[in-house]
N, C-alpha and C. Protein backbone atom coordinates (compact mmCIF):
# COMPACT_ATOMS: atom_id res chain seq x y z
N UNK A 1 -31.18 -6.54 -36.81
CA UNK A 1 -31.26 -5.37 -35.95
C UNK A 1 -30.58 -4.22 -36.70
N UNK A 2 -31.25 -3.10 -36.70
CA UNK A 2 -30.71 -1.98 -37.44
C UNK A 2 -29.57 -1.33 -36.66
N UNK A 3 -28.79 -0.58 -37.41
CA UNK A 3 -27.61 0.06 -36.82
C UNK A 3 -28.01 1.07 -35.74
N UNK A 4 -29.06 1.83 -35.96
CA UNK A 4 -29.48 2.85 -34.99
C UNK A 4 -30.02 2.19 -33.71
N UNK A 5 -30.66 1.04 -33.87
CA UNK A 5 -31.19 0.34 -32.69
C UNK A 5 -30.04 -0.19 -31.83
N UNK A 6 -28.99 -0.75 -32.48
CA UNK A 6 -27.81 -1.22 -31.74
C UNK A 6 -27.13 -0.07 -31.02
N UNK A 7 -27.07 1.06 -31.69
CA UNK A 7 -26.45 2.24 -31.08
C UNK A 7 -27.25 2.70 -29.86
N UNK A 8 -28.57 2.66 -29.94
CA UNK A 8 -29.43 3.04 -28.81
C UNK A 8 -29.22 2.10 -27.63
N UNK A 9 -29.12 0.81 -27.89
CA UNK A 9 -28.89 -0.17 -26.82
C UNK A 9 -27.53 0.06 -26.18
N UNK A 10 -26.51 0.33 -26.99
CA UNK A 10 -25.17 0.60 -26.46
C UNK A 10 -25.17 1.85 -25.59
N UNK A 11 -25.88 2.88 -26.00
CA UNK A 11 -25.96 4.11 -25.20
C UNK A 11 -26.67 3.85 -23.88
N UNK A 12 -27.72 3.06 -23.90
CA UNK A 12 -28.46 2.76 -22.67
C UNK A 12 -27.58 1.98 -21.70
N UNK A 13 -26.80 1.02 -22.21
CA UNK A 13 -25.90 0.25 -21.35
C UNK A 13 -24.81 1.14 -20.76
N UNK A 14 -24.26 2.05 -21.55
CA UNK A 14 -23.24 2.98 -21.04
C UNK A 14 -23.81 3.89 -19.96
N UNK A 15 -25.07 4.27 -20.10
CA UNK A 15 -25.70 5.13 -19.10
C UNK A 15 -25.90 4.38 -17.78
N UNK A 16 -26.09 3.06 -17.85
CA UNK A 16 -26.32 2.26 -16.64
C UNK A 16 -25.02 1.89 -15.92
N UNK A 17 -23.89 1.90 -16.59
CA UNK A 17 -22.63 1.47 -15.98
C UNK A 17 -22.26 2.22 -14.70
N UNK A 18 -22.36 3.54 -14.64
CA UNK A 18 -22.01 4.22 -13.38
C UNK A 18 -22.88 3.76 -12.21
N UNK A 19 -24.16 3.53 -12.45
CA UNK A 19 -25.05 3.07 -11.37
C UNK A 19 -24.66 1.68 -10.90
N UNK A 20 -24.26 0.82 -11.82
CA UNK A 20 -23.86 -0.54 -11.45
C UNK A 20 -22.58 -0.51 -10.63
N UNK A 21 -21.61 0.30 -11.05
CA UNK A 21 -20.34 0.33 -10.32
C UNK A 21 -20.51 0.94 -8.93
N UNK A 22 -21.37 1.93 -8.76
CA UNK A 22 -21.62 2.51 -7.45
C UNK A 22 -22.29 1.48 -6.54
N UNK A 23 -23.20 0.69 -7.08
CA UNK A 23 -23.88 -0.33 -6.28
C UNK A 23 -22.90 -1.39 -5.79
N UNK A 24 -21.88 -1.69 -6.57
CA UNK A 24 -20.91 -2.70 -6.17
C UNK A 24 -19.93 -2.17 -5.13
N UNK A 25 -19.74 -0.87 -5.05
CA UNK A 25 -18.79 -0.29 -4.09
C UNK A 25 -19.23 -0.51 -2.66
N UNK A 26 -20.51 -0.57 -2.41
CA UNK A 26 -20.97 -0.85 -1.06
C UNK A 26 -21.44 0.39 -0.33
N UNK A 27 -21.45 0.27 1.00
CA UNK A 27 -22.01 1.29 1.86
C UNK A 27 -21.11 2.48 2.05
N UNK A 28 -21.48 3.31 3.02
CA UNK A 28 -20.73 4.53 3.27
C UNK A 28 -19.36 4.24 3.87
N UNK A 29 -18.51 5.25 3.84
CA UNK A 29 -17.17 5.12 4.42
C UNK A 29 -17.28 4.94 5.94
N UNK A 30 -16.28 4.27 6.52
CA UNK A 30 -16.25 4.00 7.95
C UNK A 30 -15.52 5.15 8.65
N UNK A 31 -16.12 5.71 9.70
CA UNK A 31 -15.49 6.80 10.44
C UNK A 31 -14.39 6.26 11.33
N UNK A 32 -13.19 6.77 11.16
CA UNK A 32 -12.01 6.28 11.87
C UNK A 32 -12.08 6.62 13.36
N UNK A 33 -12.52 7.82 13.70
CA UNK A 33 -12.53 8.22 15.11
C UNK A 33 -13.47 7.35 15.95
N UNK A 34 -14.62 6.97 15.40
CA UNK A 34 -15.55 6.11 16.13
C UNK A 34 -14.96 4.73 16.36
N UNK A 35 -14.32 4.17 15.34
CA UNK A 35 -13.70 2.85 15.46
C UNK A 35 -12.51 2.90 16.41
N UNK A 36 -11.71 3.95 16.32
CA UNK A 36 -10.53 4.09 17.17
C UNK A 36 -10.92 4.14 18.64
N UNK A 37 -11.99 4.83 18.96
CA UNK A 37 -12.44 4.91 20.35
C UNK A 37 -12.83 3.53 20.89
N UNK A 38 -13.53 2.76 20.06
CA UNK A 38 -13.96 1.43 20.49
C UNK A 38 -12.78 0.46 20.67
N UNK A 39 -11.73 0.64 19.86
CA UNK A 39 -10.57 -0.26 19.91
C UNK A 39 -9.49 0.20 20.88
N UNK A 40 -9.61 1.41 21.41
CA UNK A 40 -8.61 1.91 22.35
C UNK A 40 -7.31 2.32 21.69
N UNK A 41 -7.41 2.83 20.47
CA UNK A 41 -6.21 3.27 19.75
C UNK A 41 -6.28 4.78 19.49
N UNK A 42 -5.12 5.37 19.21
CA UNK A 42 -5.05 6.79 18.94
C UNK A 42 -4.37 6.99 17.59
N UNK A 43 -5.00 7.80 16.74
CA UNK A 43 -4.45 8.07 15.43
C UNK A 43 -3.63 9.34 15.40
N UNK A 44 -3.06 9.62 14.27
CA UNK A 44 -2.30 10.84 14.07
C UNK A 44 -3.26 12.01 13.87
N UNK A 45 -2.86 13.21 14.30
CA UNK A 45 -3.76 14.36 14.13
C UNK A 45 -4.14 14.62 12.67
N UNK A 46 -3.24 14.36 11.75
CA UNK A 46 -3.53 14.60 10.34
C UNK A 46 -3.88 13.31 9.60
N UNK A 47 -4.26 12.27 10.33
CA UNK A 47 -4.59 10.99 9.73
C UNK A 47 -5.95 11.02 9.05
N UNK A 48 -6.29 9.91 8.42
CA UNK A 48 -7.55 9.79 7.69
C UNK A 48 -8.74 9.93 8.65
N UNK A 49 -9.79 10.58 8.19
CA UNK A 49 -11.02 10.73 8.99
C UNK A 49 -12.01 9.61 8.68
N UNK A 50 -11.99 9.14 7.44
CA UNK A 50 -12.89 8.07 7.01
C UNK A 50 -12.09 7.07 6.17
N UNK A 51 -12.55 5.83 6.20
CA UNK A 51 -11.92 4.79 5.39
C UNK A 51 -12.93 4.24 4.39
N UNK A 52 -12.54 4.22 3.14
CA UNK A 52 -13.33 3.58 2.10
C UNK A 52 -12.62 2.29 1.74
N UNK A 53 -13.29 1.36 1.06
CA UNK A 53 -12.64 0.10 0.72
C UNK A 53 -11.28 0.31 0.05
N UNK A 54 -10.27 -0.38 0.61
CA UNK A 54 -8.92 -0.29 0.09
C UNK A 54 -8.03 0.69 0.83
N UNK A 55 -8.59 1.50 1.69
CA UNK A 55 -7.80 2.48 2.43
C UNK A 55 -7.47 1.96 3.82
N UNK A 56 -6.39 2.50 4.42
CA UNK A 56 -5.99 2.06 5.76
C UNK A 56 -5.49 3.24 6.58
N UNK A 57 -5.44 3.03 7.89
CA UNK A 57 -4.92 4.02 8.82
C UNK A 57 -4.09 3.29 9.86
N UNK A 58 -2.92 3.84 10.18
CA UNK A 58 -2.05 3.24 11.19
C UNK A 58 -2.15 4.06 12.46
N UNK A 59 -2.31 3.38 13.59
CA UNK A 59 -2.51 4.04 14.87
C UNK A 59 -1.66 3.40 15.95
N UNK A 60 -1.75 3.95 17.16
CA UNK A 60 -0.99 3.43 18.29
C UNK A 60 -1.97 3.00 19.38
N UNK A 61 -1.70 1.83 19.96
CA UNK A 61 -2.57 1.28 21.00
C UNK A 61 -2.36 2.03 22.31
N UNK A 62 -3.47 2.54 22.88
CA UNK A 62 -3.41 3.23 24.16
C UNK A 62 -4.03 2.41 25.29
N UNK A 63 -5.12 1.70 24.98
CA UNK A 63 -5.83 0.93 26.01
C UNK A 63 -5.98 -0.51 25.53
N UNK A 64 -5.00 -1.37 25.86
CA UNK A 64 -5.03 -2.75 25.38
C UNK A 64 -6.28 -3.53 25.78
N UNK A 65 -6.87 -3.20 26.91
CA UNK A 65 -8.06 -3.93 27.37
C UNK A 65 -9.24 -3.76 26.42
N UNK A 66 -9.32 -2.63 25.71
CA UNK A 66 -10.42 -2.41 24.78
C UNK A 66 -10.30 -3.27 23.53
N UNK A 67 -9.10 -3.70 23.21
CA UNK A 67 -8.86 -4.50 22.00
C UNK A 67 -9.14 -5.98 22.24
N UNK A 68 -9.04 -6.43 23.49
CA UNK A 68 -9.18 -7.85 23.81
C UNK A 68 -10.54 -8.47 23.46
N UNK A 69 -11.68 -7.79 23.68
CA UNK A 69 -12.96 -8.42 23.32
C UNK A 69 -13.10 -8.76 21.84
N UNK A 70 -12.29 -8.15 21.02
CA UNK A 70 -12.37 -8.39 19.58
C UNK A 70 -11.41 -9.48 19.11
N UNK A 71 -10.70 -10.11 20.04
CA UNK A 71 -9.85 -11.24 19.69
C UNK A 71 -8.37 -10.94 19.61
N UNK A 72 -7.97 -9.72 19.90
CA UNK A 72 -6.54 -9.38 19.89
C UNK A 72 -6.11 -9.24 21.35
N UNK A 73 -5.44 -10.27 21.84
CA UNK A 73 -5.08 -10.33 23.25
C UNK A 73 -3.56 -10.28 23.41
N UNK A 74 -3.13 -9.78 24.57
CA UNK A 74 -1.72 -9.81 24.92
C UNK A 74 -0.89 -8.68 24.36
N UNK A 75 -1.49 -7.71 23.72
CA UNK A 75 -0.73 -6.57 23.19
C UNK A 75 -0.51 -5.56 24.32
N UNK A 76 0.53 -4.78 24.18
CA UNK A 76 0.87 -3.79 25.19
C UNK A 76 0.67 -2.38 24.63
N UNK A 77 0.58 -1.43 25.55
CA UNK A 77 0.44 -0.03 25.16
C UNK A 77 1.60 0.37 24.25
N UNK A 78 1.28 1.08 23.19
CA UNK A 78 2.30 1.50 22.24
C UNK A 78 2.41 0.60 21.02
N UNK A 79 1.68 -0.52 21.00
CA UNK A 79 1.73 -1.41 19.83
C UNK A 79 1.15 -0.70 18.61
N UNK A 80 1.64 -1.05 17.45
CA UNK A 80 1.14 -0.47 16.20
C UNK A 80 -0.13 -1.21 15.79
N UNK A 81 -1.18 -0.47 15.46
CA UNK A 81 -2.45 -1.05 15.03
C UNK A 81 -2.79 -0.44 13.67
N UNK A 82 -3.00 -1.31 12.69
CA UNK A 82 -3.36 -0.87 11.35
C UNK A 82 -4.80 -1.30 11.07
N UNK A 83 -5.63 -0.35 10.70
CA UNK A 83 -7.03 -0.62 10.38
C UNK A 83 -7.19 -0.44 8.87
N UNK A 84 -7.63 -1.50 8.19
CA UNK A 84 -7.81 -1.47 6.75
C UNK A 84 -9.26 -1.78 6.42
N UNK A 85 -9.87 -0.97 5.59
CA UNK A 85 -11.23 -1.23 5.14
C UNK A 85 -11.14 -2.21 3.97
N UNK A 86 -11.59 -3.44 4.19
CA UNK A 86 -11.46 -4.48 3.17
C UNK A 86 -12.74 -4.71 2.39
N UNK A 87 -13.79 -3.99 2.73
CA UNK A 87 -15.05 -4.12 2.03
C UNK A 87 -16.09 -3.25 2.70
N UNK A 88 -17.30 -3.24 2.17
CA UNK A 88 -18.34 -2.43 2.78
C UNK A 88 -18.57 -2.85 4.23
N UNK A 89 -18.34 -1.94 5.16
CA UNK A 89 -18.52 -2.18 6.59
C UNK A 89 -17.68 -3.33 7.12
N UNK A 90 -16.55 -3.63 6.49
CA UNK A 90 -15.63 -4.67 6.96
C UNK A 90 -14.26 -4.06 7.17
N UNK A 91 -13.68 -4.36 8.33
CA UNK A 91 -12.36 -3.85 8.68
C UNK A 91 -11.43 -5.00 9.03
N UNK A 92 -10.20 -4.90 8.60
CA UNK A 92 -9.14 -5.83 9.01
C UNK A 92 -8.27 -5.06 9.98
N UNK A 93 -8.21 -5.53 11.22
CA UNK A 93 -7.44 -4.86 12.26
C UNK A 93 -6.22 -5.72 12.56
N UNK A 94 -5.03 -5.17 12.36
CA UNK A 94 -3.78 -5.88 12.61
C UNK A 94 -3.01 -5.13 13.68
N UNK A 95 -2.58 -5.86 14.71
CA UNK A 95 -1.78 -5.27 15.78
C UNK A 95 -0.46 -5.99 15.83
N UNK A 96 0.62 -5.23 15.92
CA UNK A 96 1.93 -5.87 16.07
C UNK A 96 2.81 -5.01 16.97
N UNK A 97 3.73 -5.71 17.64
CA UNK A 97 4.66 -5.04 18.53
C UNK A 97 6.00 -5.76 18.50
N UNK A 98 7.04 -5.05 18.90
CA UNK A 98 8.38 -5.60 18.93
C UNK A 98 8.81 -5.86 20.37
N UNK A 99 8.40 -4.97 21.27
CA UNK A 99 8.76 -5.09 22.69
C UNK A 99 7.57 -5.56 23.49
N UNK A 100 7.60 -6.42 24.40
CA UNK A 100 8.75 -7.14 24.94
C UNK A 100 9.17 -8.32 24.07
N UNK A 101 8.29 -8.80 23.20
CA UNK A 101 8.65 -9.88 22.28
C UNK A 101 7.90 -9.64 20.97
N UNK A 102 8.51 -9.95 19.83
CA UNK A 102 7.83 -9.72 18.56
C UNK A 102 6.59 -10.59 18.43
N UNK A 103 5.47 -9.97 18.09
CA UNK A 103 4.24 -10.73 17.85
C UNK A 103 3.29 -9.91 17.02
N UNK A 104 2.42 -10.60 16.33
CA UNK A 104 1.46 -9.94 15.45
C UNK A 104 0.15 -10.72 15.48
N UNK A 105 -0.96 -10.01 15.48
CA UNK A 105 -2.29 -10.62 15.49
C UNK A 105 -3.21 -9.81 14.58
N UNK A 106 -4.14 -10.48 13.93
CA UNK A 106 -5.08 -9.78 13.04
C UNK A 106 -6.46 -10.41 13.16
N UNK A 107 -7.48 -9.57 13.05
CA UNK A 107 -8.87 -10.01 13.04
C UNK A 107 -9.64 -9.22 11.98
N UNK A 108 -10.77 -9.76 11.57
CA UNK A 108 -11.67 -9.05 10.67
C UNK A 108 -12.92 -8.69 11.46
N UNK A 109 -13.33 -7.43 11.37
CA UNK A 109 -14.49 -6.94 12.10
C UNK A 109 -15.52 -6.40 11.12
N UNK A 110 -16.78 -6.52 11.51
CA UNK A 110 -17.88 -5.95 10.74
C UNK A 110 -18.45 -4.78 11.53
N UNK A 111 -18.68 -3.66 10.86
CA UNK A 111 -19.31 -2.50 11.49
C UNK A 111 -20.81 -2.64 11.30
N UNK A 112 -21.54 -2.79 12.39
CA UNK A 112 -22.99 -2.95 12.34
C UNK A 112 -23.65 -1.60 12.05
N UNK A 113 -24.94 -1.63 11.76
CA UNK A 113 -25.68 -0.40 11.46
C UNK A 113 -25.66 0.59 12.62
N UNK A 114 -25.62 0.08 13.87
CA UNK A 114 -25.61 0.97 15.03
C UNK A 114 -24.20 1.44 15.40
N UNK A 115 -23.19 1.04 14.61
CA UNK A 115 -21.81 1.46 14.85
C UNK A 115 -21.00 0.50 15.69
N UNK A 116 -21.63 -0.54 16.22
CA UNK A 116 -20.88 -1.51 17.02
C UNK A 116 -20.03 -2.40 16.12
N UNK A 117 -19.00 -3.00 16.71
CA UNK A 117 -18.08 -3.86 15.97
C UNK A 117 -18.29 -5.31 16.38
N UNK A 118 -18.32 -6.21 15.40
CA UNK A 118 -18.51 -7.64 15.65
C UNK A 118 -17.41 -8.39 14.91
N UNK A 119 -16.78 -9.34 15.60
CA UNK A 119 -15.73 -10.13 14.96
C UNK A 119 -16.33 -11.08 13.95
N UNK A 120 -15.71 -11.17 12.79
CA UNK A 120 -16.15 -12.05 11.72
C UNK A 120 -15.24 -13.27 11.71
N UNK A 121 -15.83 -14.43 11.68
CA UNK A 121 -15.04 -15.66 11.61
C UNK A 121 -14.68 -15.91 10.15
N UNK A 122 -13.41 -15.76 9.84
CA UNK A 122 -12.93 -15.96 8.48
C UNK A 122 -12.48 -17.42 8.36
N UNK A 123 -13.03 -18.18 7.41
CA UNK A 123 -12.63 -19.58 7.28
C UNK A 123 -11.16 -19.72 6.89
N UNK A 124 -10.52 -20.73 7.41
CA UNK A 124 -9.12 -20.98 7.09
C UNK A 124 -9.04 -21.46 5.64
N UNK A 125 -8.02 -21.02 4.97
CA UNK A 125 -7.81 -21.46 3.58
C UNK A 125 -7.13 -22.82 3.58
N UNK A 126 -7.56 -23.64 2.67
CA UNK A 126 -6.91 -24.94 2.50
C UNK A 126 -5.58 -24.72 1.79
N UNK A 127 -4.58 -25.53 2.12
CA UNK A 127 -3.31 -25.37 1.41
C UNK A 127 -3.48 -25.69 -0.07
N UNK A 128 -2.65 -25.07 -0.92
CA UNK A 128 -2.78 -25.34 -2.35
C UNK A 128 -2.46 -26.80 -2.65
N UNK A 129 -3.05 -27.34 -3.70
CA UNK A 129 -2.77 -28.74 -4.02
C UNK A 129 -1.31 -28.93 -4.43
N UNK A 130 -0.79 -30.07 -4.09
CA UNK A 130 0.60 -30.37 -4.44
C UNK A 130 0.67 -30.81 -5.90
N UNK A 131 1.75 -30.43 -6.59
CA UNK A 131 1.88 -30.85 -7.99
C UNK A 131 2.05 -32.37 -8.09
N UNK A 132 1.62 -32.93 -9.19
CA UNK A 132 1.78 -34.38 -9.36
C UNK A 132 3.25 -34.78 -9.44
N UNK A 133 3.56 -35.91 -8.91
CA UNK A 133 4.94 -36.42 -8.91
C UNK A 133 5.14 -37.25 -10.17
N UNK A 134 6.23 -36.96 -10.82
CA UNK A 134 6.60 -37.86 -11.89
C UNK A 134 6.48 -37.34 -13.22
């Protein structure tokens, strides 16, 4: 293979890299206000408007009954709720409170095309193997 041909192939591959990385990033950013309304939480006025993979927003629970259908039960008004975008159209919602008793719960939700939220069943991880004895 000639040197100029190798150079042409390398240039073509470099030109394709941005398209490949964009395809791996996934879908559009998730709108925080739409998700917050469905979960019954209130964000900060200067908080994030959209979440892309790896970003999070911390909010306060206002309507605990709205959070229960998604698997987070028993939380009280004022609990801290953190919404993290863990992938394209995937959110990790963690709620924790100190009063009346310390507790924390987390679920993973998928944002459907119509904007609805569906709980994702995340398989339990097996414990790591124990080292050999002896």
